[in-house]
C-alpha atoms as a PDB file:
ATOM      1  CA  MET A   1      14.231 -96.067 -59.651  1.00  0.00           C
ATOM      2  CA  SER A   2      18.084 -95.217 -59.933  1.00  0.00           C
ATOM      3  CA  LYS A   3      20.222 -98.122 -61.251  1.00  0.00           C
ATOM      4  CA  ASN A   4      22.389 -97.161 -57.838  1.00  0.00           C
ATOM      5  CA  GLN A   5      20.002 -97.769 -55.547  1.00  0.00           C
ATOM      6  CA  SER A   6      18.266-101.042 -54.452  1.00  0.00           C
ATOM      7  CA  LEU A   7      14.318-101.497 -54.937  1.00  0.00           C
ATOM      8  CA  LYS A   8      14.500-101.620 -51.211  1.00  0.00           C
ATOM      9  CA  ASP A   9      16.131 -98.264 -50.727  1.00  0.00           C
ATOM     10  CA  THR A  10      13.735 -96.773 -53.249  1.00  0.00           C
ATOM     11  CA  ILE A  11      10.596 -98.171 -51.741  1.00  0.00           C
ATOM     12  CA  PHE A  12      11.983 -97.010 -48.140  1.00  0.00           C
ATOM     13  CA  LYS A  13      12.685 -93.200 -49.376  1.00  0.00           C
ATOM     14  CA  GLU A  14       9.467 -93.211 -51.290  1.00  0.00           C
ATOM     15  CA  PHE A  15       7.678 -94.584 -48.292  1.00  0.00           C
ATOM     16  CA  LEU A  16       9.113 -91.897 -46.305  1.00  0.00           C
ATOM     17  CA  ARG A  17       7.738 -89.133 -48.561  1.00  0.00           C
ATOM     18  CA  ASN A  18       4.406 -90.935 -48.620  1.00  0.00           C
ATOM     19  CA  PRO A  19       3.577 -93.175 -45.498  1.00  0.00           C
ATOM     20  CA  ALA A  20       0.205 -93.662 -46.533  1.00  0.00           C
ATOM     21  CA  LEU A  21       1.392 -96.215 -49.411  1.00  0.00           C
ATOM     22  CA  GLY A  22       1.220 -99.799 -48.690  1.00  0.00           C
ATOM     23  CA  PRO A  23       2.678-102.574 -50.687  1.00  0.00           C
ATOM     24  CA  THR A  24      -0.019-102.648 -53.523  1.00  0.00           C
ATOM     25  CA  GLU A  25      -0.226 -98.809 -53.825  1.00  0.00           C
ATOM     26  CA  MET A  26       3.898 -98.746 -53.823  1.00  0.00           C
ATOM     27  CA  SER A  27       4.118-101.670 -56.435  1.00  0.00           C
ATOM     28  CA  GLU A  28       1.809 -99.774 -58.653  1.00  0.00           C
ATOM     29  CA  LYS A  29       3.583 -96.397 -58.190  1.00  0.00           C
ATOM     30  CA  LEU A  30       7.114 -97.696 -58.570  1.00  0.00           C
ATOM     31  CA  GLY A  31       5.867-100.274 -61.392  1.00  0.00           C
ATOM     32  CA  ALA A  32       7.415-102.904 -59.563  1.00  0.00           C
ATOM     33  CA  ASN A  33       6.420-106.484 -58.917  1.00  0.00           C
ATOM     34  CA  TYR A  34       3.965-106.564 -56.165  1.00  0.00           C
ATOM     35  CA  ASN A  35       5.598-109.754 -54.248  1.00  0.00           C
ATOM     36  CA  SER A  36       8.981-108.001 -54.633  1.00  0.00           C
ATOM     37  CA  VAL A  37       7.408-104.903 -53.181  1.00  0.00           C
ATOM     38  CA  LYS A  38       5.944-106.922 -50.370  1.00  0.00           C
ATOM     39  CA  ALA A  39       9.204-108.577 -49.382  1.00  0.00           C
ATOM     40  CA  ALA A  40      11.123-105.272 -49.262  1.00  0.00           C
ATOM     41  CA  PHE A  41       8.468-104.036 -46.921  1.00  0.00           C
ATOM     42  CA  ALA A  42       9.060-106.895 -44.954  1.00  0.00           C
ATOM     43  CA  LYS A  43      13.002-106.678 -45.003  1.00  0.00           C
ATOM     44  CA  LEU A  44      12.385-102.758 -43.772  1.00  0.00           C
ATOM     45  CA  ALA A  45      10.241-104.136 -41.058  1.00  0.00           C
ATOM     46  CA  GLU A  46      12.881-106.956 -40.117  1.00  0.00           C
ATOM     47  CA  GLU A  47      15.649-104.137 -40.126  1.00  0.00           C
ATOM     48  CA  GLY A  48      13.714-102.175 -37.672  1.00  0.00           C
ATOM     49  CA  LEU A  49      13.135 -99.447 -39.955  1.00  0.00           C
ATOM     50  CA  LEU A  50       9.490 -99.742 -40.513  1.00  0.00           C
ATOM     51  CA  GLU A  51       6.956-101.367 -38.109  1.00  0.00           C
ATOM     52  CA  ARG A  52       3.837-103.253 -39.334  1.00  0.00           C
ATOM     53  CA  SER A  53       0.742-101.773 -38.053  1.00  0.00           C
ATOM     54  CA  GLY A  54      -1.808-104.319 -39.482  1.00  0.00           C
ATOM     55  CA  ARG A  55      -2.027-106.148 -42.536  1.00  0.00           C
ATOM     56  CA  GLY A  56      -0.326-104.436 -45.292  1.00  0.00           C
ATOM     57  CA  ASN A  57      -0.107-101.430 -43.064  1.00  0.00           C
ATOM     58  CA  TYR A  58       3.174-100.081 -41.998  1.00  0.00           C
ATOM     59  CA  GLU A  59       4.556 -96.754 -40.047  1.00  0.00           C
ATOM     60  CA  PRO A  60       8.194 -95.337 -39.960  1.00  0.00           C
ATOM     61  CA  SER A  61       9.972 -96.553 -37.023  1.00  0.00           C
ATOM     62  CA  VAL A  62      11.515 -93.252 -35.933  1.00  0.00           C
ATOM     63  CA  PRO A  63      13.729 -95.048 -33.203  1.00  0.00           C
ATOM     64  CA  GLY A  64      14.753 -97.732 -35.886  1.00  0.00           C
ATOM     65  CA  ILE A  65      15.651 -94.993 -38.296  1.00  0.00           C
ATOM     66  CA  LEU A  66      17.661 -93.116 -35.637  1.00  0.00           C
ATOM     67  CA  LEU A  67      19.361 -95.912 -34.837  1.00  0.00           C
ATOM     68  CA  ASN A  68      20.320 -96.941 -38.261  1.00  0.00           C
ATOM     69  CA  LEU A  69      21.548 -93.169 -38.938  1.00  0.00           C
ATOM     70  CA  MET A  70      23.655 -93.155 -35.772  1.00  0.00           C
ATOM     71  CA  ALA A  71      25.401 -96.350 -36.735  1.00  0.00           C
ATOM     72  CA  ARG A  72      26.165 -94.921 -40.252  1.00  0.00           C
ATOM     73  CA  VAL A  73      27.741 -91.709 -39.009  1.00  0.00           C
ATOM     74  CA  GLU A  74      29.787 -93.761 -36.635  1.00  0.00           C
ATOM     75  CA  ALA A  75      31.204 -96.106 -39.143  1.00  0.00           C
ATOM     76  CA  LEU A  76      32.261 -92.801 -41.326  1.00  0.00           C
ATOM     77  CA  GLU A  77      33.619 -91.498 -38.331  1.00  0.00           C
ATOM     78  CA  THR A  78      35.929 -94.511 -37.711  1.00  0.00           C
ATOM     79  CA  LYS A  79      36.725 -94.889 -41.522  1.00  0.00           C
ATOM     80  CA  THR A  80      40.535 -94.182 -41.661  1.00  0.00           C
ATOM     81  CA  PRO A  81      41.381 -92.246 -44.959  1.00  0.00           C
END
């Protein structure tokens, strides 16, 4: 995990690479605390980037991801130099 990247961001990127990873597998892969990983998954779901499809199972939320990206692009476009 990069020092400039939060655990939540690391988990999200890793999850997009391998959506089969749940909190247990992700904590093992990253060597991170299970409760911290579980909380990050919950936060990503709360932010609309993931959808919880069952106990410990998540799926990417394509509409949520696209809306998030659009908001980031708009913010960059409105930034004045």
